[in-house]
Amino acid sequence: MTERRDQTLRASVDAGATPERGASLIARARSSSSGSARPLVIGNIALSFHAAAAAVTALTIERHGLATSAIAAPHEQMFAMLDRGEVDLLVTAWLPASHGRYLEPQAHKIRKLAVLYRPYCIWGVPDTVPAAEVASVTDLARPEVAAGFRKRIQGIGEGAGISRFSRAIIASYGLDRLGFHFENGSLEDCAGAFEEAVGAGERCIVPLWHPQFLHHRHRIRELAEPKGLLGGVDDAVLLIREEVADRLDPAVLDALTQLHIGNETLAMLDYAINREDLTAREAAARWLAEAG
């Protein structure tokens, strides 16, 4: 019965279950009368690289004989689910800049286990744009430079740090007066807009981050941003609720505390998901098998 329940929970994630549907499945698993230990619920922000990190975490836990289930949700919603105890672990929080404000109200009941990688946000341009012409965000404020660029800066969801940072950059550098504007959208909207511009030989700005799958395929040059509005380098922290950590076997906690993926590896996993059509678990399992 436990195995069947775990398969149902995992299938809901693979099929793209909504957070509401996932929460219903989780509640059903927790209320089971079987008496067996319920799966550890691993939550991740609903972006593919977060899913990759969550899959590595899940497989690490499962090596110790524990069952896991997974659920994804947008930024603010996922942190609210952690706060309410609807997820046991969150993979990952970018701290302090990108997600610090979401964690702060509940930090007293959350334990930080490991830094899985070290992300940072960028404004990038295709490497075909000469650095001698465009080296910094400040260069974009020159009308003769701005004239050569696509004005729509296609981003991802509203709750992402890079979205907040990008809107602040446009306002602070006066780029809106030259026609630049930021648009929220999906991850594929962002990646697709960049690849479309590259394919057409056009200049564009991509509001991106490391690690991300586009870096695995394209040469993207980071622009200097003198005002420090991009938040600097964060730690991508694996979070667990304190009461969950207290009941875990020390060997599991030790394995999670030592877990590390790194930016380059996560970009590769993200590429496997987005361009090789692997699931997050398949990509994670392949890497873990190769890494030994």
C-alpha atoms as a PDB file:
ATOM      1  CA  MET A   1       0.000   0.000   0.000  1.00  0.00           C
ATOM      2  CA  THR A   2       2.830   2.396   0.865  1.00  0.00           C
ATOM      3  CA  GLU A   3       4.551   1.714  -2.460  1.00  0.00           C
ATOM      4  CA  ARG A   4       1.321   2.315  -4.379  1.00  0.00           C
ATOM      5  CA  ARG A   5       0.706   5.587  -2.502  1.00  0.00           C
ATOM      6  CA  ASP A   6       4.261   6.783  -3.228  1.00  0.00           C
ATOM      7  CA  GLN A   7       3.847   5.973  -6.912  1.00  0.00           C
ATOM      8  CA  THR A   8       0.614   7.967  -7.013  1.00  0.00           C
ATOM      9  CA  LEU A   9       2.260  10.955  -5.365  1.00  0.00           C
ATOM     10  CA  ARG A  10       5.225  10.881  -7.727  1.00  0.00           C
ATOM     11  CA  ALA A  11       2.970  10.441 -10.746  1.00  0.00           C
ATOM     12  CA  SER A  12       1.106  13.601  -9.788  1.00  0.00           C
ATOM     13  CA  VAL A  13       4.316  15.581 -10.019  1.00  0.00           C
ATOM     14  CA  ASP A  14       5.454  13.989 -13.284  1.00  0.00           C
ATOM     15  CA  ALA A  15       2.061  14.848 -14.787  1.00  0.00           C
ATOM     16  CA  GLY A  16       2.389  18.467 -13.736  1.00  0.00           C
ATOM     17  CA  ALA A  17      -0.073  18.400 -10.853  1.00  0.00           C
ATOM     18  CA  THR A  18      -1.275  21.689  -9.473  1.00  0.00           C
ATOM     19  CA  PRO A  19      -0.192  22.625  -5.947  1.00  0.00           C
ATOM     20  CA  GLU A  20      -3.811  22.126  -4.820  1.00  0.00           C
ATOM     21  CA  ARG A  21      -3.928  18.602  -6.253  1.00  0.00           C
ATOM     22  CA  GLY A  22      -0.516  17.841  -4.785  1.00  0.00           C
ATOM     23  CA  ALA A  23      -1.598  19.102  -1.363  1.00  0.00           C
ATOM     24  CA  SER A  24      -4.645  16.845  -1.526  1.00  0.00           C
ATOM     25  CA  LEU A  25      -2.470  13.822  -2.264  1.00  0.00           C
ATOM     26  CA  ILE A  26      -0.085  14.748   0.528  1.00  0.00           C
ATOM     27  CA  ALA A  27      -2.931  15.134   3.012  1.00  0.00           C
ATOM     28  CA  ARG A  28      -4.303  11.731   1.999  1.00  0.00           C
ATOM     29  CA  ALA A  29      -0.879  10.132   2.506  1.00  0.00           C
ATOM     30  CA  ARG A  30      -0.487  11.735   5.916  1.00  0.00           C
ATOM     31  CA  SER A  31      -3.875  10.571   7.086  1.00  0.00           C
ATOM     32  CA  SER A  32      -3.266   6.961   6.016  1.00  0.00           C
ATOM     33  CA  SER A  33      -4.251   4.380   8.609  1.00  0.00           C
ATOM     34  CA  SER A  34      -1.500   1.977   7.536  1.00  0.00           C
ATOM     35  CA  GLY A  35       0.735   3.118  10.414  1.00  0.00           C
ATOM     36  CA  SER A  36       3.819   3.274   8.191  1.00  0.00           C
ATOM     37  CA  ALA A  37       6.020   6.358   7.940  1.00  0.00           C
ATOM     38  CA  ARG A  38       4.666   8.894   5.490  1.00  0.00           C
ATOM     39  CA  PRO A  39       6.815  10.156   2.623  1.00  0.00           C
ATOM     40  CA  LEU A  40       8.971  13.192   3.177  1.00  0.00           C
ATOM     41  CA  VAL A  41       7.413  15.957   1.113  1.00  0.00           C
ATOM     42  CA  ILE A  42       9.995  17.907  -0.879  1.00  0.00           C
ATOM     43  CA  GLY A  43       8.889  21.253  -2.244  1.00  0.00           C
ATOM     44  CA  ASN A  44      10.540  23.269  -4.963  1.00  0.00           C
ATOM     45  CA  ILE A  45       9.831  26.539  -6.733  1.00  0.00           C
ATOM     46  CA  ALA A  46       8.214  25.696 -10.055  1.00  0.00           C
ATOM     47  CA  LEU A  47      11.241  26.164 -12.292  1.00  0.00           C
ATOM     48  CA  SER A  48      13.177  23.346 -13.913  1.00  0.00           C
ATOM     49  CA  PHE A  49      16.539  23.934 -12.233  1.00  0.00           C
ATOM     50  CA  HIS A  50      14.837  23.929  -8.819  1.00  0.00           C
ATOM     51  CA  ALA A  51      13.162  20.653  -9.828  1.00  0.00           C
ATOM     52  CA  ALA A  52      16.582  19.225 -10.723  1.00  0.00           C
ATOM     53  CA  ALA A  53      18.008  20.124  -7.313  1.00  0.00           C
ATOM     54  CA  ALA A  54      14.914  18.693  -5.629  1.00  0.00           C
ATOM     55  CA  ALA A  55      15.300  15.423  -7.542  1.00  0.00           C
ATOM     56  CA  VAL A  56      18.929  15.076  -6.446  1.00  0.00           C
ATOM     57  CA  THR A  57      17.792  15.682  -2.866  1.00  0.00           C
ATOM     58  CA  ALA A  58      14.990  13.120  -3.149  1.00  0.00           C
ATOM     59  CA  LEU A  59      17.268  10.426  -4.556  1.00  0.00           C
ATOM     60  CA  THR A  60      19.811  11.111  -1.806  1.00  0.00           C
ATOM     61  CA  ILE A  61      17.099  10.582   0.816  1.00  0.00           C
ATOM     62  CA  GLU A  62      15.735   7.489  -0.913  1.00  0.00           C
ATOM     63  CA  ARG A  63      19.185   5.875  -0.809  1.00  0.00           C
ATOM     64  CA  HIS A  64      18.564   5.627   2.943  1.00  0.00           C
ATOM     65  CA  GLY A  65      15.322   3.715   2.465  1.00  0.00           C
ATOM     66  CA  LEU A  66      12.922   6.607   3.010  1.00  0.00           C
ATOM     67  CA  ALA A  67      10.075   7.458   0.653  1.00  0.00           C
ATOM     68  CA  THR A  68       9.648  10.945  -0.764  1.00  0.00           C
ATOM     69  CA  SER A  69       7.022  12.861  -2.662  1.00  0.00           C
ATOM     70  CA  ALA A  70       7.415  16.131  -4.521  1.00  0.00           C
ATOM     71  CA  ILE A  71       5.380  19.242  -5.182  1.00  0.00           C
ATOM     72  CA  ALA A  72       6.126  22.482  -7.018  1.00  0.00           C
ATOM     73  CA  ALA A  73       4.610  25.941  -6.704  1.00  0.00           C
ATOM     74  CA  PRO A  74       5.487  29.569  -7.508  1.00  0.00           C
ATOM     75  CA  HIS A  75       7.941  31.412  -5.268  1.00  0.00           C
ATOM     76  CA  GLU A  76       5.721  32.973  -2.600  1.00  0.00           C
ATOM     77  CA  GLN A  77       3.309  30.051  -2.560  1.00  0.00           C
ATOM     78  CA  MET A  78       6.065  27.514  -1.975  1.00  0.00           C
ATOM     79  CA  PHE A  79       7.424  29.422   1.024  1.00  0.00           C
ATOM     80  CA  ALA A  80       3.872  29.707   2.404  1.00  0.00           C
ATOM     81  CA  MET A  81       3.517  25.920   2.049  1.00  0.00           C
ATOM     82  CA  LEU A  82       6.743  25.444   3.989  1.00  0.00           C
ATOM     83  CA  ASP A  83       5.441  27.783   6.685  1.00  0.00           C
ATOM     84  CA  ARG A  84       2.194  25.809   7.006  1.00  0.00           C
ATOM     85  CA  GLY A  85       3.974  22.464   7.127  1.00  0.00           C
ATOM     86  CA  GLU A  86       2.602  21.277   3.801  1.00  0.00           C
ATOM     87  CA  VAL A  87       6.166  20.550   2.687  1.00  0.00           C
ATOM     88  CA  ASP A  88       8.936  19.178   4.882  1.00  0.00           C
ATOM     89  CA  LEU A  89      11.934  20.387   2.870  1.00  0.00           C
ATOM     90  CA  LEU A  90      12.334  23.243   0.414  1.00  0.00           C
ATOM     91  CA  VAL A  91      14.897  22.987  -2.364  1.00  0.00           C
ATOM     92  CA  THR A  92      16.221  25.677  -2.522  1.00  0.00           C
ATOM     93  CA  ALA A  93      16.031  29.130  -0.970  1.00  0.00           C
ATOM     94  CA  TRP A  94      18.348  31.712  -2.520  1.00  0.00           C
ATOM     95  CA  LEU A  95      19.698  33.629   0.453  1.00  0.00           C
ATOM     96  CA  PRO A  96      20.013  36.360   1.417  1.00  0.00           C
ATOM     97  CA  ALA A  97      19.017  38.507  -1.579  1.00  0.00           C
ATOM     98  CA  SER A  98      16.481  36.715  -3.764  1.00  0.00           C
ATOM     99  CA  HIS A  99      14.298  34.828  -1.265  1.00  0.00           C
ATOM    100  CA  GLY A 100      15.324  36.209   2.118  1.00  0.00           C
ATOM    101  CA  ARG A 101      12.125  38.180   2.555  1.00  0.00           C
ATOM    102  CA  TYR A 102      10.034  35.033   2.024  1.00  0.00           C
ATOM    103  CA  LEU A 103      11.970  33.048   4.639  1.00  0.00           C
ATOM    104  CA  GLU A 104      12.313  35.724   7.321  1.00  0.00           C
ATOM    105  CA  PRO A 105       8.848  35.381   8.944  1.00  0.00           C
ATOM    106  CA  GLN A 106       9.329  31.646   9.509  1.00  0.00           C
ATOM    107  CA  ALA A 107      13.096  31.438   9.960  1.00  0.00           C
ATOM    108  CA  HIS A 108      12.743  30.519  13.650  1.00  0.00           C
ATOM    109  CA  LYS A 109      11.236  27.127  12.774  1.00  0.00           C
ATOM    110  CA  ILE A 110      13.418  26.304   9.771  1.00  0.00           C
ATOM    111  CA  ARG A 111      16.870  24.685   9.728  1.00  0.00           C
ATOM    112  CA  LYS A 112      19.431  25.367   7.006  1.00  0.00           C
ATOM    113  CA  LEU A 113      21.062  22.084   6.009  1.00  0.00           C
ATOM    114  CA  ALA A 114      23.414  22.706   3.085  1.00  0.00           C
ATOM    115  CA  VAL A 115      24.415  25.095   0.326  1.00  0.00           C
ATOM    116  CA  LEU A 116      23.760  23.135  -2.877  1.00  0.00           C
ATOM    117  CA  TYR A 117      25.155  25.744  -5.290  1.00  0.00           C
ATOM    118  CA  ARG A 118      25.862  29.491  -5.420  1.00  0.00           C
ATOM    119  CA  PRO A 119      23.462  31.292  -7.754  1.00  0.00           C
ATOM    120  CA  TYR A 120      23.612  34.852  -8.937  1.00  0.00           C
ATOM    121  CA  CYS A 121      21.509  36.985 -11.247  1.00  0.00           C
ATOM    122  CA  ILE A 122      22.784  38.720 -14.362  1.00  0.00           C
ATOM    123  CA  TRP A 123      21.731  40.880 -17.213  1.00  0.00           C
ATOM    124  CA  GLY A 124      23.334  39.212 -20.190  1.00  0.00           C
ATOM    125  CA  VAL A 125      23.735  39.774 -23.898  1.00  0.00           C
ATOM    126  CA  PRO A 126      24.719  37.371 -26.688  1.00  0.00           C
ATOM    127  CA  ASP A 127      28.489  37.053 -26.834  1.00  0.00           C
ATOM    128  CA  THR A 128      28.364  38.367 -30.403  1.00  0.00           C
ATOM    129  CA  VAL A 129      27.701  41.848 -28.986  1.00  0.00           C
ATOM    130  CA  PRO A 130      31.176  43.449 -28.756  1.00  0.00           C
ATOM    131  CA  ALA A 131      32.249  44.265 -25.214  1.00  0.00           C
ATOM    132  CA  ALA A 132      33.931  47.382 -26.565  1.00  0.00           C
ATOM    133  CA  GLU A 133      30.467  48.695 -27.451  1.00  0.00           C
ATOM    134  CA  VAL A 134      28.354  47.320 -24.600  1.00  0.00           C
ATOM    135  CA  ALA A 135      30.157  46.387 -21.409  1.00  0.00           C
ATOM    136  CA  SER A 136      27.788  47.724 -18.767  1.00  0.00           C
ATOM    137  CA  VAL A 137      24.149  48.461 -18.090  1.00  0.00           C
ATOM    138  CA  THR A 138      25.163  52.114 -18.201  1.00  0.00           C
ATOM    139  CA  ASP A 139      25.992  51.707 -21.906  1.00  0.00           C
ATOM    140  CA  LEU A 140      22.363  50.783 -22.592  1.00  0.00           C
ATOM    141  CA  ALA A 141      21.338  54.279 -21.470  1.00  0.00           C
ATOM    142  CA  ARG A 142      23.142  55.777 -24.472  1.00  0.00           C
ATOM    143  CA  PRO A 143      20.574  56.337 -27.244  1.00  0.00           C
ATOM    144  CA  GLU A 144      22.903  55.136 -29.999  1.00  0.00           C
ATOM    145  CA  VAL A 145      23.430  51.830 -28.133  1.00  0.00           C
ATOM    146  CA  ALA A 146      19.794  51.407 -27.112  1.00  0.00           C
ATOM    147  CA  ALA A 147      18.727  51.847 -30.740  1.00  0.00           C
ATOM    148  CA  GLY A 148      20.370  48.535 -31.668  1.00  0.00           C
ATOM    149  CA  PHE A 149      18.584  46.426 -29.033  1.00  0.00           C
ATOM    150  CA  ARG A 150      15.233  44.736 -28.737  1.00  0.00           C
ATOM    151  CA  LYS A 151      13.337  46.776 -26.170  1.00  0.00           C
ATOM    152  CA  ARG A 152      11.303  43.976 -24.599  1.00  0.00           C
ATOM    153  CA  ILE A 153      13.258  42.331 -21.802  1.00  0.00           C
ATOM    154  CA  GLN A 154      11.503  38.992 -21.380  1.00  0.00           C
ATOM    155  CA  GLY A 155      11.693  37.578 -17.880  1.00  0.00           C
ATOM    156  CA  ILE A 156      10.104  34.836 -15.791  1.00  0.00           C
ATOM    157  CA  GLY A 157       7.569  34.966 -12.943  1.00  0.00           C
ATOM    158  CA  GLU A 158       6.803  38.041 -10.903  1.00  0.00           C
ATOM    159  CA  GLY A 159       8.002  36.555  -7.600  1.00  0.00           C
ATOM    160  CA  ALA A 160      11.529  35.797  -8.826  1.00  0.00           C
ATOM    161  CA  GLY A 161      14.395  37.926  -7.569  1.00  0.00           C
ATOM    162  CA  ILE A 162      15.618  38.564 -11.114  1.00  0.00           C
ATOM    163  CA  SER A 163      12.183  40.015 -11.956  1.00  0.00           C
ATOM    164  CA  ARG A 164      12.284  42.479  -9.058  1.00  0.00           C
ATOM    165  CA  PHE A 165      15.905  43.352  -9.782  1.00  0.00           C
ATOM    166  CA  SER A 166      15.243  43.914 -13.488  1.00  0.00           C
ATOM    167  CA  ARG A 167      12.391  46.327 -12.898  1.00  0.00           C
ATOM    168  CA  ALA A 168      14.583  48.247 -10.449  1.00  0.00           C
ATOM    169  CA  ILE A 169      17.421  48.434 -13.002  1.00  0.00           C
ATOM    170  CA  ILE A 170      15.156  49.782 -15.734  1.00  0.00           C
ATOM    171  CA  ALA A 171      13.872  52.521 -13.442  1.00  0.00           C
ATOM    172  CA  SER A 172      17.205  53.356 -11.825  1.00  0.00           C
ATOM    173  CA  TYR A 173      19.134  53.696 -15.087  1.00  0.00           C
ATOM    174  CA  GLY A 174      16.312  55.461 -16.920  1.00  0.00           C
ATOM    175  CA  LEU A 175      16.079  52.746 -19.544  1.00  0.00           C
ATOM    176  CA  ASP A 176      12.312  53.085 -19.715  1.00  0.00           C
ATOM    177  CA  ARG A 177      12.801  56.503 -21.288  1.00  0.00           C
ATOM    178  CA  LEU A 178      14.573  54.742 -24.169  1.00  0.00           C
ATOM    179  CA  GLY A 179      11.765  52.226 -24.660  1.00  0.00           C
ATOM    180  CA  PHE A 180      13.068  49.276 -22.631  1.00  0.00           C
ATOM    181  CA  HIS A 181      10.399  47.396 -20.700  1.00  0.00           C
ATOM    182  CA  PHE A 182      10.366  44.210 -18.640  1.00  0.00           C
ATOM    183  CA  GLU A 183       7.739  41.514 -19.162  1.00  0.00           C
ATOM    184  CA  ASN A 184       6.955  38.631 -16.816  1.00  0.00           C
ATOM    185  CA  GLY A 185       6.349  35.226 -18.331  1.00  0.00           C
ATOM    186  CA  SER A 186       7.304  31.569 -18.124  1.00  0.00           C
ATOM    187  CA  LEU A 187      10.794  30.124 -18.146  1.00  0.00           C
ATOM    188  CA  GLU A 188      10.274  29.063 -21.751  1.00  0.00           C
ATOM    189  CA  ASP A 189       9.096  32.572 -22.636  1.00  0.00           C
ATOM    190  CA  CYS A 190      12.400  33.921 -21.330  1.00  0.00           C
ATOM    191  CA  ALA A 191      14.614  31.274 -22.933  1.00  0.00           C
ATOM    192  CA  GLY A 192      12.655  31.305 -26.169  1.00  0.00           C
ATOM    193  CA  ALA A 193      12.909  35.082 -26.553  1.00  0.00           C
ATOM    194  CA  PHE A 194      16.679  34.898 -26.138  1.00  0.00           C
ATOM    195  CA  GLU A 195      17.132  32.020 -28.583  1.00  0.00           C
ATOM    196  CA  GLU A 196      14.832  33.692 -31.105  1.00  0.00           C
ATOM    197  CA  ALA A 197      16.908  36.886 -30.966  1.00  0.00           C
ATOM    198  CA  VAL A 198      20.156  34.935 -31.310  1.00  0.00           C
ATOM    199  CA  GLY A 199      18.763  33.012 -34.272  1.00  0.00           C
ATOM    200  CA  ALA A 200      17.743  36.265 -35.935  1.00  0.00           C
ATOM    201  CA  GLY A 201      21.117  37.873 -35.252  1.00  0.00           C
ATOM    202  CA  GLU A 202      19.513  40.588 -33.124  1.00  0.00           C
ATOM    203  CA  ARG A 203      20.787  42.186 -29.954  1.00  0.00           C
ATOM    204  CA  CYS A 204      18.779  41.525 -26.815  1.00  0.00           C
ATOM    205  CA  ILE A 205      19.055  41.615 -23.048  1.00  0.00           C
ATOM    206  CA  VAL A 206      18.315  38.416 -21.172  1.00  0.00           C
ATOM    207  CA  PRO A 207      17.522  38.708 -17.433  1.00  0.00           C
ATOM    208  CA  LEU A 208      19.075  35.462 -16.317  1.00  0.00           C
ATOM    209  CA  TRP A 209      20.999  33.728 -13.562  1.00  0.00           C
ATOM    210  CA  HIS A 210      23.646  31.129 -12.960  1.00  0.00           C
ATOM    211  CA  PRO A 211      23.067  28.202 -13.041  1.00  0.00           C
ATOM    212  CA  GLN A 212      20.628  27.993 -15.962  1.00  0.00           C
ATOM    213  CA  PHE A 213      20.428  25.726 -18.999  1.00  0.00           C
ATOM    214  CA  LEU A 214      21.027  28.459 -21.584  1.00  0.00           C
ATOM    215  CA  HIS A 215      24.611  28.748 -20.326  1.00  0.00           C
ATOM    216  CA  HIS A 216      25.167  25.085 -21.198  1.00  0.00           C
ATOM    217  CA  ARG A 217      24.539  25.832 -24.884  1.00  0.00           C
ATOM    218  CA  HIS A 218      25.129  29.548 -25.491  1.00  0.00           C
ATOM    219  CA  ARG A 219      27.877  32.014 -24.703  1.00  0.00           C
ATOM    220  CA  ILE A 220      26.138  34.757 -22.736  1.00  0.00           C
ATOM    221  CA  ARG A 221      28.183  37.730 -21.633  1.00  0.00           C
ATOM    222  CA  GLU A 222      27.328  39.325 -18.316  1.00  0.00           C
ATOM    223  CA  LEU A 223      26.983  43.099 -18.262  1.00  0.00           C
ATOM    224  CA  ALA A 224      28.520  45.074 -15.424  1.00  0.00           C
ATOM    225  CA  GLU A 225      25.873  46.602 -13.161  1.00  0.00           C
ATOM    226  CA  PRO A 226      27.583  49.343 -11.097  1.00  0.00           C
ATOM    227  CA  LYS A 227      24.696  50.069  -8.720  1.00  0.00           C
ATOM    228  CA  GLY A 228      24.576  46.550  -7.282  1.00  0.00           C
ATOM    229  CA  LEU A 229      20.881  46.044  -8.001  1.00  0.00           C
ATOM    230  CA  LEU A 230      21.244  42.397  -9.007  1.00  0.00           C
ATOM    231  CA  GLY A 231      21.677  41.200  -5.447  1.00  0.00           C
ATOM    232  CA  GLY A 232      25.157  39.672  -5.639  1.00  0.00           C
ATOM    233  CA  VAL A 233      25.916  35.989  -5.124  1.00  0.00           C
ATOM    234  CA  ASP A 234      23.381  34.029  -3.057  1.00  0.00           C
ATOM    235  CA  ASP A 235      23.637  30.678  -1.310  1.00  0.00           C
ATOM    236  CA  ALA A 236      21.127  28.132  -2.608  1.00  0.00           C
ATOM    237  CA  VAL A 237      20.148  26.641   0.734  1.00  0.00           C
ATOM    238  CA  LEU A 238      18.386  23.358   1.424  1.00  0.00           C
ATOM    239  CA  LEU A 239      15.766  24.056   4.110  1.00  0.00           C
ATOM    240  CA  ILE A 240      13.976  21.653   6.441  1.00  0.00           C
ATOM    241  CA  ARG A 241      11.382  22.243   9.107  1.00  0.00           C
ATOM    242  CA  GLU A 242      12.905  21.809  12.565  1.00  0.00           C
ATOM    243  CA  GLU A 243      10.358  19.249  13.773  1.00  0.00           C
ATOM    244  CA  VAL A 244      11.028  17.150  10.662  1.00  0.00           C
ATOM    245  CA  ALA A 245      14.794  17.323  11.168  1.00  0.00           C
ATOM    246  CA  ASP A 246      14.370  16.255  14.783  1.00  0.00           C
ATOM    247  CA  ARG A 247      12.758  12.963  13.812  1.00  0.00           C
ATOM    248  CA  LEU A 248      15.087  12.034  10.955  1.00  0.00           C
ATOM    249  CA  ASP A 249      17.839   9.481  11.319  1.00  0.00           C
ATOM    250  CA  PRO A 250      21.170  11.274  11.872  1.00  0.00           C
ATOM    251  CA  ALA A 251      22.635   9.462   8.860  1.00  0.00           C
ATOM    252  CA  VAL A 252      20.008  11.055   6.590  1.00  0.00           C
ATOM    253  CA  LEU A 253      20.653  14.508   8.044  1.00  0.00           C
ATOM    254  CA  ASP A 254      24.392  13.988   7.613  1.00  0.00           C
ATOM    255  CA  ALA A 255      23.939  13.013   3.948  1.00  0.00           C
ATOM    256  CA  LEU A 256      21.808  16.084   3.312  1.00  0.00           C
ATOM    257  CA  THR A 257      24.231  18.357   5.138  1.00  0.00           C
ATOM    258  CA  GLN A 258      27.063  17.149   2.901  1.00  0.00           C
ATOM    259  CA  LEU A 259      25.049  17.391  -0.321  1.00  0.00           C
ATOM    260  CA  HIS A 260      26.499  19.689  -2.983  1.00  0.00           C
ATOM    261  CA  ILE A 261      25.648  20.041  -6.672  1.00  0.00           C
ATOM    262  CA  GLY A 262      27.436  23.148  -7.943  1.00  0.00           C
ATOM    263  CA  ASN A 263      26.513  25.668 -10.609  1.00  0.00           C
ATOM    264  CA  GLU A 264      28.000  23.873 -13.608  1.00  0.00           C
ATOM    265  CA  THR A 265      26.385  20.542 -12.770  1.00  0.00           C
ATOM    266  CA  LEU A 266      22.997  22.117 -12.136  1.00  0.00           C
ATOM    267  CA  ALA A 267      23.147  23.943 -15.482  1.00  0.00           C
ATOM    268  CA  MET A 268      23.842  20.576 -17.130  1.00  0.00           C
ATOM    269  CA  LEU A 269      20.910  18.942 -15.325  1.00  0.00           C
ATOM    270  CA  ASP A 270      18.687  21.856 -16.317  1.00  0.00           C
ATOM    271  CA  TYR A 271      19.751  21.446 -19.951  1.00  0.00           C
ATOM    272  CA  ALA A 272      18.919  17.727 -19.821  1.00  0.00           C
ATOM    273  CA  ILE A 273      15.407  18.573 -18.648  1.00  0.00           C
ATOM    274  CA  ASN A 274      14.738  21.405 -21.078  1.00  0.00           C
ATOM    275  CA  ARG A 275      16.528  20.246 -24.219  1.00  0.00           C
ATOM    276  CA  GLU A 276      17.029  16.471 -23.841  1.00  0.00           C
ATOM    277  CA  ASP A 277      13.474  15.773 -22.643  1.00  0.00           C
ATOM    278  CA  LEU A 278      14.520  13.999 -19.458  1.00  0.00           C
ATOM    279  CA  THR A 279      12.450  14.280 -16.312  1.00  0.00           C
ATOM    280  CA  ALA A 280      14.128  15.875 -13.319  1.00  0.00           C
ATOM    281  CA  ARG A 281      14.465  12.451 -11.668  1.00  0.00           C
ATOM    282  CA  GLU A 282      15.942  10.909 -14.805  1.00  0.00           C
ATOM    283  CA  ALA A 283      18.505  13.690 -15.130  1.00  0.00           C
ATOM    284  CA  ALA A 284      19.390  13.495 -11.438  1.00  0.00           C
ATOM    285  CA  ALA A 285      19.654   9.696 -11.481  1.00  0.00           C
ATOM    286  CA  ARG A 286      21.962   9.781 -14.512  1.00  0.00           C
ATOM    287  CA  TRP A 287      24.257  12.296 -12.874  1.00  0.00           C
ATOM    288  CA  LEU A 288      24.338  10.480  -9.524  1.00  0.00           C
ATOM    289  CA  ALA A 289      25.130   7.205 -11.300  1.00  0.00           C
ATOM    290  CA  GLU A 290      27.973   8.818 -13.216  1.00  0.00           C
ATOM    291  CA  ALA A 291      29.266  10.558 -10.085  1.00  0.00           C
ATOM    292  CA  GLY A 292      29.228   7.319  -8.176  1.00  0.00           C
END
